[in-house]
Amino acid sequence: TETGTWVSPQQLAQRYRETAAAGEVSDRAAHDREWTFGHLVAD
């Protein structure tokens, strides 16, 4: 679309699929991106 070409919604609809739910994280301290640590040591 940004480069001047258009594909109709009907064509695009043939490729539509609902996003699958992802599995839950297990070890939060090592694997949760939103985990906050009490202290950082960086060598």
PDB file of all heavy atoms in Angstrom:
ATOM      1  N   THR A   1       0.838  -1.200   0.000  1.00  0.00           N
ATOM      2  CA  THR A   1       0.000   0.000   0.000  1.00  0.00           C
ATOM      3  C   THR A   1       0.870   1.246   0.000  1.00  0.00           C
ATOM      4  O   THR A   1       0.609   2.215  -0.713  1.00  0.00           O
ATOM      5  CB  THR A   1      -0.915  -0.001   1.243  1.00  0.00           C
ATOM      6  OG1 THR A   1      -1.685  -1.191   1.231  1.00  0.00           O
ATOM      7  CG2 THR A   1      -1.838   1.199   1.228  1.00  0.00           C
ATOM      8  N   GLU A   2       1.946   1.205   0.816  1.00  0.00           N
ATOM      9  CA  GLU A   2       2.819   2.368   0.911  1.00  0.00           C
ATOM     10  C   GLU A   2       3.600   2.591  -0.371  1.00  0.00           C
ATOM     11  O   GLU A   2       4.060   3.691  -0.635  1.00  0.00           O
ATOM     12  CB  GLU A   2       3.783   2.188   2.090  1.00  0.00           C
ATOM     13  CG  GLU A   2       3.075   2.255   3.443  1.00  0.00           C
ATOM     14  CD  GLU A   2       4.012   2.006   4.600  1.00  0.00           C
ATOM     15  OE1 GLU A   2       5.154   1.576   4.351  1.00  0.00           O
ATOM     16  OE2 GLU A   2       3.603   2.239   5.746  1.00  0.00           O
ATOM     17  N   THR A   3       3.760   1.545  -1.186  1.00  0.00           N
ATOM     18  CA  THR A   3       4.520   1.698  -2.428  1.00  0.00           C
ATOM     19  C   THR A   3       3.609   1.757  -3.646  1.00  0.00           C
ATOM     20  O   THR A   3       4.057   1.604  -4.771  1.00  0.00           O
ATOM     21  CB  THR A   3       5.514   0.533  -2.593  1.00  0.00           C
ATOM     22  OG1 THR A   3       4.810  -0.712  -2.511  1.00  0.00           O
ATOM     23  CG2 THR A   3       6.564   0.579  -1.514  1.00  0.00           C
ATOM     24  N   GLY A   4       2.303   1.936  -3.425  1.00  0.00           N
ATOM     25  CA  GLY A   4       1.391   2.189  -4.528  1.00  0.00           C
ATOM     26  C   GLY A   4       0.643   0.987  -5.049  1.00  0.00           C
ATOM     27  O   GLY A   4      -0.064   1.090  -6.047  1.00  0.00           O
ATOM     28  N   THR A   5       0.760  -0.182  -4.430  1.00  0.00           N
ATOM     29  CA  THR A   5       0.068  -1.380  -4.883  1.00  0.00           C
ATOM     30  C   THR A   5      -1.050  -1.707  -3.912  1.00  0.00           C
ATOM     31  O   THR A   5      -0.904  -1.527  -2.714  1.00  0.00           O
ATOM     32  CB  THR A   5       1.040  -2.564  -4.974  1.00  0.00           C
ATOM     33  OG1 THR A   5       2.144  -2.171  -5.778  1.00  0.00           O
ATOM     34  CG2 THR A   5       0.376  -3.774  -5.585  1.00  0.00           C
ATOM     35  N   TRP A   6      -2.172  -2.211  -4.392  1.00  0.00           N
ATOM     36  CA  TRP A   6      -3.309  -2.514  -3.519  1.00  0.00           C
ATOM     37  C   TRP A   6      -3.754  -3.953  -3.722  1.00  0.00           C
ATOM     38  O   TRP A   6      -3.838  -4.450  -4.837  1.00  0.00           O
ATOM     39  CB  TRP A   6      -4.490  -1.580  -3.797  1.00  0.00           C
ATOM     40  CG  TRP A   6      -5.694  -1.931  -2.968  1.00  0.00           C
ATOM     41  CD1 TRP A   6      -6.841  -2.491  -3.395  1.00  0.00           C
ATOM     42  CD2 TRP A   6      -5.826  -1.782  -1.570  1.00  0.00           C
ATOM     43  NE1 TRP A   6      -7.703  -2.697  -2.356  1.00  0.00           N
ATOM     44  CE2 TRP A   6      -7.101  -2.266  -1.207  1.00  0.00           C
ATOM     45  CE3 TRP A   6      -4.994  -1.285  -0.563  1.00  0.00           C
ATOM     46  CZ2 TRP A   6      -7.569  -2.272   0.098  1.00  0.00           C
ATOM     47  CZ3 TRP A   6      -5.460  -1.276   0.737  1.00  0.00           C
ATOM     48  CH2 TRP A   6      -6.729  -1.769   1.050  1.00  0.00           C
ATOM     49  N   VAL A   7      -3.999  -4.653  -2.613  1.00  0.00           N
ATOM     50  CA  VAL A   7      -4.581  -5.985  -2.638  1.00  0.00           C
ATOM     51  C   VAL A   7      -5.922  -5.887  -1.948  1.00  0.00           C
ATOM     52  O   VAL A   7      -6.039  -5.298  -0.876  1.00  0.00           O
ATOM     53  CB  VAL A   7      -3.675  -6.999  -1.911  1.00  0.00           C
ATOM     54  CG1 VAL A   7      -4.337  -8.366  -1.884  1.00  0.00           C
ATOM     55  CG2 VAL A   7      -2.328  -7.081  -2.609  1.00  0.00           C
ATOM     56  N   SER A   8      -6.949  -6.475  -2.540  1.00  0.00           N
ATOM     57  CA  SER A   8      -8.294  -6.328  -1.990  1.00  0.00           C
ATOM     58  C   SER A   8      -8.432  -7.097  -0.683  1.00  0.00           C
ATOM     59  O   SER A   8      -7.732  -8.090  -0.447  1.00  0.00           O
ATOM     60  CB  SER A   8      -9.321  -6.871  -2.985  1.00  0.00           C
ATOM     61  OG  SER A   8      -9.225  -8.291  -3.022  1.00  0.00           O
ATOM     62  N   PRO A   9      -9.338  -6.670   0.201  1.00  0.00           N
ATOM     63  CA  PRO A   9      -9.592  -7.408   1.441  1.00  0.00           C
ATOM     64  C   PRO A   9     -10.000  -8.853   1.171  1.00  0.00           C
ATOM     65  O   PRO A   9      -9.697  -9.740   1.952  1.00  0.00           O
ATOM     66  CB  PRO A   9     -10.724  -6.611   2.085  1.00  0.00           C
ATOM     67  CG  PRO A   9     -10.568  -5.229   1.546  1.00  0.00           C
ATOM     68  CD  PRO A   9     -10.089  -5.417   0.135  1.00  0.00           C
ATOM     69  N   GLN A  10     -10.681  -9.094   0.042  1.00  0.00           N
ATOM     70  CA  GLN A  10     -11.104 -10.457  -0.259  1.00  0.00           C
ATOM     71  C   GLN A  10      -9.902 -11.370  -0.496  1.00  0.00           C
ATOM     72  O   GLN A  10      -9.884 -12.521  -0.052  1.00  0.00           O
ATOM     73  CB  GLN A  10     -12.024 -10.453  -1.492  1.00  0.00           C
ATOM     74  CG  GLN A  10     -13.412  -9.880  -1.227  1.00  0.00           C
ATOM     75  CD  GLN A  10     -13.384  -8.363  -1.094  1.00  0.00           C
ATOM     76  OE1 GLN A  10     -12.446  -7.708  -1.561  1.00  0.00           O
ATOM     77  NE2 GLN A  10     -14.413  -7.805  -0.461  1.00  0.00           N
ATOM     78  N   GLN A  11      -8.889 -10.836  -1.211  1.00  0.00           N
ATOM     79  CA  GLN A  11      -7.687 -11.635  -1.428  1.00  0.00           C
ATOM     80  C   GLN A  11      -6.944 -11.888  -0.111  1.00  0.00           C
ATOM     81  O   GLN A  11      -6.464 -12.979   0.159  1.00  0.00           O
ATOM     82  CB  GLN A  11      -6.750 -10.920  -2.412  1.00  0.00           C
ATOM     83  CG  GLN A  11      -7.302 -10.865  -3.832  1.00  0.00           C
ATOM     84  CD  GLN A  11      -6.443  -9.995  -4.705  1.00  0.00           C
ATOM     85  OE1 GLN A  11      -6.211  -8.834  -4.399  1.00  0.00           O
ATOM     86  NE2 GLN A  11      -5.965 -10.566  -5.803  1.00  0.00           N
ATOM     87  N   LEU A  12      -6.852 -10.837   0.686  1.00  0.00           N
ATOM     88  CA  LEU A  12      -6.156 -10.958   1.954  1.00  0.00           C
ATOM     89  C   LEU A  12      -6.886 -11.916   2.893  1.00  0.00           C
ATOM     90  O   LEU A  12      -6.258 -12.649   3.664  1.00  0.00           O
ATOM     91  CB  LEU A  12      -6.041  -9.574   2.606  1.00  0.00           C
ATOM     92  CG  LEU A  12      -5.253  -9.498   3.914  1.00  0.00           C
ATOM     93  CD1 LEU A  12      -3.824  -9.939   3.690  1.00  0.00           C
ATOM     94  CD2 LEU A  12      -5.291  -8.087   4.458  1.00  0.00           C
ATOM     95  N   ALA A  13      -8.214 -11.957   2.804  1.00  0.00           N
ATOM     96  CA  ALA A  13      -9.008 -12.788   3.711  1.00  0.00           C
ATOM     97  C   ALA A  13      -8.663 -14.260   3.581  1.00  0.00           C
ATOM     98  O   ALA A  13      -8.796 -15.025   4.540  1.00  0.00           O
ATOM     99  CB  ALA A  13     -10.499 -12.591   3.420  1.00  0.00           C
ATOM    100  N   GLN A  14      -8.221 -14.676   2.414  1.00  0.00           N
ATOM    101  CA  GLN A  14      -7.900 -16.085   2.217  1.00  0.00           C
ATOM    102  C   GLN A  14      -6.706 -16.522   3.068  1.00  0.00           C
ATOM    103  O   GLN A  14      -6.495 -17.701   3.298  1.00  0.00           O
ATOM    104  CB  GLN A  14      -7.589 -16.339   0.739  1.00  0.00           C
ATOM    105  CG  GLN A  14      -8.767 -16.052  -0.160  1.00  0.00           C
ATOM    106  CD  GLN A  14      -8.401 -16.182  -1.619  1.00  0.00           C
ATOM    107  OE1 GLN A  14      -7.336 -16.691  -1.951  1.00  0.00           O
ATOM    108  NE2 GLN A  14      -9.270 -15.729  -2.492  1.00  0.00           N
ATOM    109  N   ARG A  15      -5.897 -15.550   3.529  1.00  0.00           N
ATOM    110  CA  ARG A  15      -4.712 -15.876   4.319  1.00  0.00           C
ATOM    111  C   ARG A  15      -4.914 -15.612   5.810  1.00  0.00           C
ATOM    112  O   ARG A  15      -3.980 -15.737   6.595  1.00  0.00           O
ATOM    113  CB  ARG A  15      -3.527 -15.027   3.828  1.00  0.00           C
ATOM    114  CG  ARG A  15      -3.169 -15.281   2.379  1.00  0.00           C
ATOM    115  CD  ARG A  15      -2.577 -16.658   2.187  1.00  0.00           C
ATOM    116  NE  ARG A  15      -1.334 -16.810   2.921  1.00  0.00           N
ATOM    117  CZ  ARG A  15      -0.154 -16.434   2.436  1.00  0.00           C
ATOM    118  NH1 ARG A  15      -0.059 -15.906   1.234  1.00  0.00           N
ATOM    119  NH2 ARG A  15       0.925 -16.601   3.155  1.00  0.00           N
ATOM    120  N   TYR A  16      -6.129 -15.248   6.186  1.00  0.00           N
ATOM    121  CA  TYR A  16      -6.364 -14.840   7.579  1.00  0.00           C
ATOM    122  C   TYR A  16      -6.382 -16.043   8.519  1.00  0.00           C
ATOM    123  O   TYR A  16      -6.934 -17.076   8.200  1.00  0.00           O
ATOM    124  CB  TYR A  16      -7.697 -14.083   7.688  1.00  0.00           C
ATOM    125  CG  TYR A  16      -7.935 -13.565   9.096  1.00  0.00           C
ATOM    126  CD1 TYR A  16      -7.346 -12.382   9.511  1.00  0.00           C
ATOM    127  CD2 TYR A  16      -8.716 -14.284   9.987  1.00  0.00           C
ATOM    128  CE1 TYR A  16      -7.541 -11.922  10.792  1.00  0.00           C
ATOM    129  CE2 TYR A  16      -8.909 -13.827  11.273  1.00  0.00           C
ATOM    130  CZ  TYR A  16      -8.318 -12.647  11.668  1.00  0.00           C
ATOM    131  OH  TYR A  16      -8.515 -12.190  12.938  1.00  0.00           O
ATOM    132  N   ARG A  17      -5.782 -15.874   9.662  1.00  0.00           N
ATOM    133  CA  ARG A  17      -5.842 -16.887  10.706  1.00  0.00           C
ATOM    134  C   ARG A  17      -5.727 -16.195  12.052  1.00  0.00           C
ATOM    135  O   ARG A  17      -4.935 -15.274  12.206  1.00  0.00           O
ATOM    136  CB  ARG A  17      -4.702 -17.904  10.565  1.00  0.00           C
ATOM    137  CG  ARG A  17      -4.762 -19.000  11.637  1.00  0.00           C
ATOM    138  CD  ARG A  17      -3.692 -20.041  11.381  1.00  0.00           C
ATOM    139  NE  ARG A  17      -2.365 -19.488  11.463  1.00  0.00           N
ATOM    140  CZ  ARG A  17      -1.705 -19.292  12.614  1.00  0.00           C
ATOM    141  NH1 ARG A  17      -2.280 -19.593  13.759  1.00  0.00           N
ATOM    142  NH2 ARG A  17      -0.496 -18.783  12.617  1.00  0.00           N
ATOM    143  N   GLU A  18      -6.516 -16.644  13.038  1.00  0.00           N
ATOM    144  CA  GLU A  18      -6.457 -16.044  14.367  1.00  0.00           C
ATOM    145  C   GLU A  18      -5.110 -16.349  15.026  1.00  0.00           C
ATOM    146  O   GLU A  18      -4.563 -17.427  14.868  1.00  0.00           O
ATOM    147  CB  GLU A  18      -7.580 -16.606  15.266  1.00  0.00           C
ATOM    148  CG  GLU A  18      -8.978 -16.217  14.826  1.00  0.00           C
ATOM    149  CD  GLU A  18      -9.256 -14.760  15.101  1.00  0.00           C
ATOM    150  OE1 GLU A  18      -8.462 -14.126  15.829  1.00  0.00           O
ATOM    151  OE2 GLU A  18     -10.251 -14.248  14.577  1.00  0.00           O
ATOM    152  N   THR A  19      -4.583 -15.374  15.747  1.00  0.00           N
ATOM    153  CA  THR A  19      -3.322 -15.565  16.451  1.00  0.00           C
ATOM    154  C   THR A  19      -3.503 -16.559  17.583  1.00  0.00           C
ATOM    155  O   THR A  19      -4.385 -16.427  18.403  1.00  0.00           O
ATOM    156  CB  THR A  19      -2.833 -14.216  17.023  1.00  0.00           C
ATOM    157  OG1 THR A  19      -2.706 -13.298  15.948  1.00  0.00           O
ATOM    158  CG2 THR A  19      -1.490 -14.380  17.721  1.00  0.00           C
ATOM    159  N   ALA A  20      -2.631 -17.565  17.624  1.00  0.00           N
ATOM    160  CA  ALA A  20      -2.725 -18.567  18.676  1.00  0.00           C
ATOM    161  C   ALA A  20      -2.164 -18.019  19.981  1.00  0.00           C
ATOM    162  O   ALA A  20      -1.253 -17.200  19.983  1.00  0.00           O
ATOM    163  CB  ALA A  20      -1.943 -19.816  18.271  1.00  0.00           C
ATOM    164  N   ALA A  21      -2.764 -18.441  21.051  1.00  0.00           N
ATOM    165  CA  ALA A  21      -2.270 -18.015  22.362  1.00  0.00           C
ATOM    166  C   ALA A  21      -0.939 -18.683  22.646  1.00  0.00           C
ATOM    167  O   ALA A  21      -0.723 -19.838  22.344  1.00  0.00           O
ATOM    168  CB  ALA A  21      -3.281 -18.377  23.451  1.00  0.00           C
ATOM    169  N   ALA A  22      -0.036 -17.909  23.241  1.00  0.00           N
ATOM    170  CA  ALA A  22       1.282 -18.450  23.558  1.00  0.00           C
ATOM    171  C   ALA A  22       1.275 -19.101  24.923  1.00  0.00           C
ATOM    172  O   ALA A  22       0.439 -18.826  25.764  1.00  0.00           O
ATOM    173  CB  ALA A  22       2.315 -17.322  23.524  1.00  0.00           C
ATOM    174  N   GLY A  23       2.218 -19.991  25.132  1.00  0.00           N
ATOM    175  CA  GLY A  23       2.328 -20.662  26.419  1.00  0.00           C
ATOM    176  C   GLY A  23       2.818 -19.722  27.498  1.00  0.00           C
ATOM    177  O   GLY A  23       3.404 -18.674  27.235  1.00  0.00           O
ATOM    178  N   GLU A  24       2.562 -20.079  28.704  1.00  0.00           N
ATOM    179  CA  GLU A  24       2.964 -19.246  29.819  1.00  0.00           C
ATOM    180  C   GLU A  24       4.443 -19.464  30.143  1.00  0.00           C
ATOM    181  O   GLU A  24       5.004 -20.520  29.930  1.00  0.00           O
ATOM    182  CB  GLU A  24       2.093 -19.563  31.039  1.00  0.00           C
ATOM    183  CG  GLU A  24       0.631 -19.215  30.847  1.00  0.00           C
ATOM    184  CD  GLU A  24      -0.147 -19.384  32.138  1.00  0.00           C
ATOM    185  OE1 GLU A  24       0.487 -19.602  33.186  1.00  0.00           O
ATOM    186  OE2 GLU A  24      -1.368 -19.278  32.084  1.00  0.00           O
ATOM    187  N   VAL A  25       5.031 -18.415  30.665  1.00  0.00           N
ATOM    188  CA  VAL A  25       6.426 -18.528  31.061  1.00  0.00           C
ATOM    189  C   VAL A  25       6.524 -19.324  32.347  1.00  0.00           C
ATOM    190  O   VAL A  25       5.601 -19.376  33.133  1.00  0.00           O
ATOM    191  CB  VAL A  25       7.037 -17.125  31.266  1.00  0.00           C
ATOM    192  CG1 VAL A  25       7.093 -16.368  29.973  1.00  0.00           C
ATOM    193  CG2 VAL A  25       6.248 -16.336  32.309  1.00  0.00           C
ATOM    194  N   SER A  26       7.686 -19.966  32.565  1.00  0.00           N
ATOM    195  CA  SER A  26       7.847 -20.805  33.753  1.00  0.00           C
ATOM    196  C   SER A  26       8.709 -20.113  34.798  1.00  0.00           C
ATOM    197  O   SER A  26       8.184 -19.628  35.801  1.00  0.00           O
ATOM    198  CB  SER A  26       8.440 -22.160  33.353  1.00  0.00           C
ATOM    199  OG  SER A  26       9.619 -21.969  32.598  1.00  0.00           O
ATOM    200  N   ASP A  27       9.985 -20.041  34.560  1.00  0.00           N
ATOM    201  CA  ASP A  27      10.888 -19.475  35.561  1.00  0.00           C
ATOM    202  C   ASP A  27      10.942 -17.960  35.391  1.00  0.00           C
ATOM    203  O   ASP A  27      11.662 -17.439  34.559  1.00  0.00           O
ATOM    204  CB  ASP A  27      12.279 -20.085  35.381  1.00  0.00           C
ATOM    205  CG  ASP A  27      13.239 -19.640  36.450  1.00  0.00           C
ATOM    206  OD1 ASP A  27      12.845 -18.854  37.316  1.00  0.00           O
ATOM    207  OD2 ASP A  27      14.398 -20.087  36.411  1.00  0.00           O
ATOM    208  N   ARG A  28      10.215 -17.234  36.236  1.00  0.00           N
ATOM    209  CA  ARG A  28      10.052 -15.798  36.029  1.00  0.00           C
ATOM    210  C   ARG A  28      11.371 -15.042  36.166  1.00  0.00           C
ATOM    211  O   ARG A  28      11.674 -14.152  35.367  1.00  0.00           O
ATOM    212  CB  ARG A  28       9.026 -15.227  37.013  1.00  0.00           C
ATOM    213  CG  ARG A  28       7.602 -15.691  36.728  1.00  0.00           C
ATOM    214  CD  ARG A  28       6.605 -14.988  37.649  1.00  0.00           C
ATOM    215  NE  ARG A  28       6.574 -13.559  37.431  1.00  0.00           N
ATOM    216  CZ  ARG A  28       5.890 -12.955  36.456  1.00  0.00           C
ATOM    217  NH1 ARG A  28       5.212 -13.690  35.587  1.00  0.00           N
ATOM    218  NH2 ARG A  28       5.899 -11.647  36.345  1.00  0.00           N
ATOM    219  N   ALA A  29      12.153 -15.360  37.140  1.00  0.00           N
ATOM    220  CA  ALA A  29      13.374 -14.583  37.370  1.00  0.00           C
ATOM    221  C   ALA A  29      14.294 -14.600  36.162  1.00  0.00           C
ATOM    222  O   ALA A  29      14.922 -13.597  35.840  1.00  0.00           O
ATOM    223  CB  ALA A  29      14.105 -15.103  38.596  1.00  0.00           C
ATOM    224  N   ALA A  30      14.393 -15.746  35.488  1.00  0.00           N
ATOM    225  CA  ALA A  30      15.306 -15.857  34.358  1.00  0.00           C
ATOM    226  C   ALA A  30      14.622 -15.635  33.022  1.00  0.00           C
ATOM    227  O   ALA A  30      15.285 -15.299  32.050  1.00  0.00           O
ATOM    228  CB  ALA A  30      15.981 -17.229  34.358  1.00  0.00           C
ATOM    229  N   HIS A  31      13.307 -15.794  32.967  1.00  0.00           N
ATOM    230  CA  HIS A  31      12.630 -15.816  31.672  1.00  0.00           C
ATOM    231  C   HIS A  31      11.512 -14.793  31.509  1.00  0.00           C
ATOM    232  O   HIS A  31      10.943 -14.688  30.426  1.00  0.00           O
ATOM    233  CB  HIS A  31      12.066 -17.218  31.404  1.00  0.00           C
ATOM    234  CG  HIS A  31      13.112 -18.287  31.425  1.00  0.00           C
ATOM    235  ND1 HIS A  31      13.343 -19.092  32.508  1.00  0.00           N
ATOM    236  CD2 HIS A  31      14.017 -18.658  30.491  1.00  0.00           C
ATOM    237  CE1 HIS A  31      14.333 -19.918  32.248  1.00  0.00           C
ATOM    238  NE2 HIS A  31      14.751 -19.681  31.028  1.00  0.00           N
ATOM    239  N   ASP A  32      11.173 -14.062  32.551  1.00  0.00           N
ATOM    240  CA  ASP A  32      10.117 -13.062  32.429  1.00  0.00           C
ATOM    241  C   ASP A  32      10.755 -11.713  32.115  1.00  0.00           C
ATOM    242  O   ASP A  32      11.505 -11.165  32.923  1.00  0.00           O
ATOM    243  CB  ASP A  32       9.322 -12.988  33.739  1.00  0.00           C
ATOM    244  CG  ASP A  32       8.157 -12.003  33.666  1.00  0.00           C
ATOM    245  OD1 ASP A  32       8.019 -11.327  32.621  1.00  0.00           O
ATOM    246  OD2 ASP A  32       7.402 -11.902  34.636  1.00  0.00           O
ATOM    247  N   ARG A  33      10.458 -11.165  30.956  1.00  0.00           N
ATOM    248  CA  ARG A  33      11.056  -9.898  30.556  1.00  0.00           C
ATOM    249  C   ARG A  33      10.689  -8.764  31.495  1.00  0.00           C
ATOM    250  O   ARG A  33      11.434  -7.774  31.623  1.00  0.00           O
ATOM    251  CB  ARG A  33      10.612  -9.546  29.125  1.00  0.00           C
ATOM    252  CG  ARG A  33      11.463  -8.471  28.447  1.00  0.00           C
ATOM    253  CD  ARG A  33      10.752  -7.888  27.247  1.00  0.00           C
ATOM    254  NE  ARG A  33       9.619  -7.093  27.641  1.00  0.00           N
ATOM    255  CZ  ARG A  33       9.684  -5.822  28.040  1.00  0.00           C
ATOM    256  NH1 ARG A  33      10.842  -5.206  28.092  1.00  0.00           N
ATOM    257  NH2 ARG A  33       8.606  -5.159  28.379  1.00  0.00           N
ATOM    258  N   GLU A  34       9.559  -8.858  32.143  1.00  0.00           N
ATOM    259  CA  GLU A  34       9.109  -7.778  33.016  1.00  0.00           C
ATOM    260  C   GLU A  34       9.541  -7.973  34.468  1.00  0.00           C
ATOM    261  O   GLU A  34       9.187  -7.182  35.333  1.00  0.00           O
ATOM    262  CB  GLU A  34       7.586  -7.647  32.926  1.00  0.00           C
ATOM    263  CG  GLU A  34       7.122  -7.258  31.519  1.00  0.00           C
ATOM    264  CD  GLU A  34       5.613  -7.114  31.424  1.00  0.00           C
ATOM    265  OE1 GLU A  34       4.932  -7.424  32.425  1.00  0.00           O
ATOM    266  OE2 GLU A  34       5.134  -6.685  30.369  1.00  0.00           O
ATOM    267  N   TRP A  35      10.313  -9.019  34.726  1.00  0.00           N
ATOM    268  CA  TRP A  35      10.814  -9.238  36.078  1.00  0.00           C
ATOM    269  C   TRP A  35      11.785  -8.107  36.440  1.00  0.00           C
ATOM    270  O   TRP A  35      12.612  -7.702  35.639  1.00  0.00           O
ATOM    271  CB  TRP A  35      11.543 -10.573  36.151  1.00  0.00           C
ATOM    272  CG  TRP A  35      12.004 -10.924  37.530  1.00  0.00           C
ATOM    273  CD1 TRP A  35      13.199 -10.601  38.102  1.00  0.00           C
ATOM    274  CD2 TRP A  35      11.277 -11.654  38.505  1.00  0.00           C
ATOM    275  NE1 TRP A  35      13.267 -11.080  39.374  1.00  0.00           N
ATOM    276  CE2 TRP A  35      12.099 -11.737  39.651  1.00  0.00           C
ATOM    277  CE3 TRP A  35      10.019 -12.242  38.526  1.00  0.00           C
ATOM    278  CZ2 TRP A  35      11.688 -12.397  40.808  1.00  0.00           C
ATOM    279  CZ3 TRP A  35       9.616 -12.901  39.670  1.00  0.00           C
ATOM    280  CH2 TRP A  35      10.438 -12.974  40.791  1.00  0.00           C
ATOM    281  N   THR A  36      11.678  -7.582  37.653  1.00  0.00           N
ATOM    282  CA  THR A  36      12.601  -6.553  38.112  1.00  0.00           C
ATOM    283  C   THR A  36      13.472  -7.115  39.223  1.00  0.00           C
ATOM    284  O   THR A  36      12.976  -7.747  40.153  1.00  0.00           O
ATOM    285  CB  THR A  36      11.859  -5.304  38.607  1.00  0.00           C
ATOM    286  OG1 THR A  36      10.951  -5.662  39.647  1.00  0.00           O
ATOM    287  CG2 THR A  36      11.086  -4.658  37.475  1.00  0.00           C
ATOM    288  N   PHE A  37      14.770  -6.888  39.099  1.00  0.00           N
ATOM    289  CA  PHE A  37      15.740  -7.412  40.051  1.00  0.00           C
ATOM    290  C   PHE A  37      16.034  -6.386  41.143  1.00  0.00           C
ATOM    291  O   PHE A  37      15.854  -5.183  40.957  1.00  0.00           O
ATOM    292  CB  PHE A  37      17.029  -7.785  39.331  1.00  0.00           C
ATOM    293  CG  PHE A  37      16.903  -8.985  38.436  1.00  0.00           C
ATOM    294  CD1 PHE A  37      16.475  -8.849  37.124  1.00  0.00           C
ATOM    295  CD2 PHE A  37      17.207 -10.256  38.904  1.00  0.00           C
ATOM    296  CE1 PHE A  37      16.359  -9.946  36.291  1.00  0.00           C
ATOM    297  CE2 PHE A  37      17.089 -11.362  38.080  1.00  0.00           C
ATOM    298  CZ  PHE A  37      16.664 -11.210  36.776  1.00  0.00           C
ATOM    299  N   GLY A  38      16.539  -6.907  42.271  1.00  0.00           N
ATOM    300  CA  GLY A  38      16.872  -6.025  43.382  1.00  0.00           C
ATOM    301  C   GLY A  38      18.193  -5.307  43.196  1.00  0.00           C
ATOM    302  O   GLY A  38      18.396  -4.220  43.745  1.00  0.00           O
ATOM    303  N   HIS A  39      19.096  -5.899  42.432  1.00  0.00           N
ATOM    304  CA  HIS A  39      20.408  -5.278  42.226  1.00  0.00           C
ATOM    305  C   HIS A  39      21.011  -5.816  40.936  1.00  0.00           C
ATOM    306  O   HIS A  39      20.779  -6.962  40.547  1.00  0.00           O
ATOM    307  CB  HIS A  39      21.338  -5.584  43.404  1.00  0.00           C
ATOM    308  CG  HIS A  39      22.613  -4.776  43.393  1.00  0.00           C
ATOM    309  ND1 HIS A  39      22.647  -3.453  43.776  1.00  0.00           N
ATOM    310  CD2 HIS A  39      23.886  -5.105  43.051  1.00  0.00           C
ATOM    311  CE1 HIS A  39      23.896  -3.000  43.678  1.00  0.00           C
ATOM    312  NE2 HIS A  39      24.662  -3.986  43.225  1.00  0.00           N
ATOM    313  N   LEU A  40      21.782  -4.964  40.278  1.00  0.00           N
ATOM    314  CA  LEU A  40      22.478  -5.321  39.053  1.00  0.00           C
ATOM    315  C   LEU A  40      23.977  -5.296  39.300  1.00  0.00           C
ATOM    316  O   LEU A  40      24.502  -4.327  39.870  1.00  0.00           O
ATOM    317  CB  LEU A  40      22.130  -4.331  37.933  1.00  0.00           C
ATOM    318  CG  LEU A  40      23.039  -4.317  36.694  1.00  0.00           C
ATOM    319  CD1 LEU A  40      22.876  -5.604  35.898  1.00  0.00           C
ATOM    320  CD2 LEU A  40      22.736  -3.100  35.821  1.00  0.00           C
ATOM    321  N   VAL A  41      24.665  -6.354  38.882  1.00  0.00           N
ATOM    322  CA  VAL A  41      26.131  -6.372  38.868  1.00  0.00           C
ATOM    323  C   VAL A  41      26.554  -6.655  37.435  1.00  0.00           C
ATOM    324  O   VAL A  41      26.204  -7.701  36.881  1.00  0.00           O
ATOM    325  CB  VAL A  41      26.705  -7.437  39.817  1.00  0.00           C
ATOM    326  CG1 VAL A  41      28.228  -7.478  39.696  1.00  0.00           C
ATOM    327  CG2 VAL A  41      26.309  -7.147  41.263  1.00  0.00           C
ATOM    328  N   ALA A  42      27.276  -5.739  36.840  1.00  0.00           N
ATOM    329  CA  ALA A  42      27.717  -5.899  35.454  1.00  0.00           C
ATOM    330  C   ALA A  42      29.227  -5.833  35.390  1.00  0.00           C
ATOM    331  O   ALA A  42      29.822  -4.798  35.729  1.00  0.00           O
ATOM    332  CB  ALA A  42      27.096  -4.830  34.554  1.00  0.00           C
ATOM    333  N   ASP A  43      29.853  -6.933  34.984  1.00  0.00           N
ATOM    334  CA  ASP A  43      31.302  -6.941  34.809  1.00  0.00           C
ATOM    335  C   ASP A  43      31.620  -6.577  33.360  1.00  0.00           C
ATOM    336  O   ASP A  43      30.810  -6.773  32.460  1.00  0.00           O
ATOM    337  CB  ASP A  43      31.861  -8.322  35.145  1.00  0.00           C
ATOM    338  CG  ASP A  43      33.319  -8.260  35.577  1.00  0.00           C
ATOM    339  OD1 ASP A  43      33.967  -7.235  35.285  1.00  0.00           O
ATOM    340  OD2 ASP A  43      33.809  -9.213  36.201  1.00  0.00           O
TER     341      ASP A  43
END
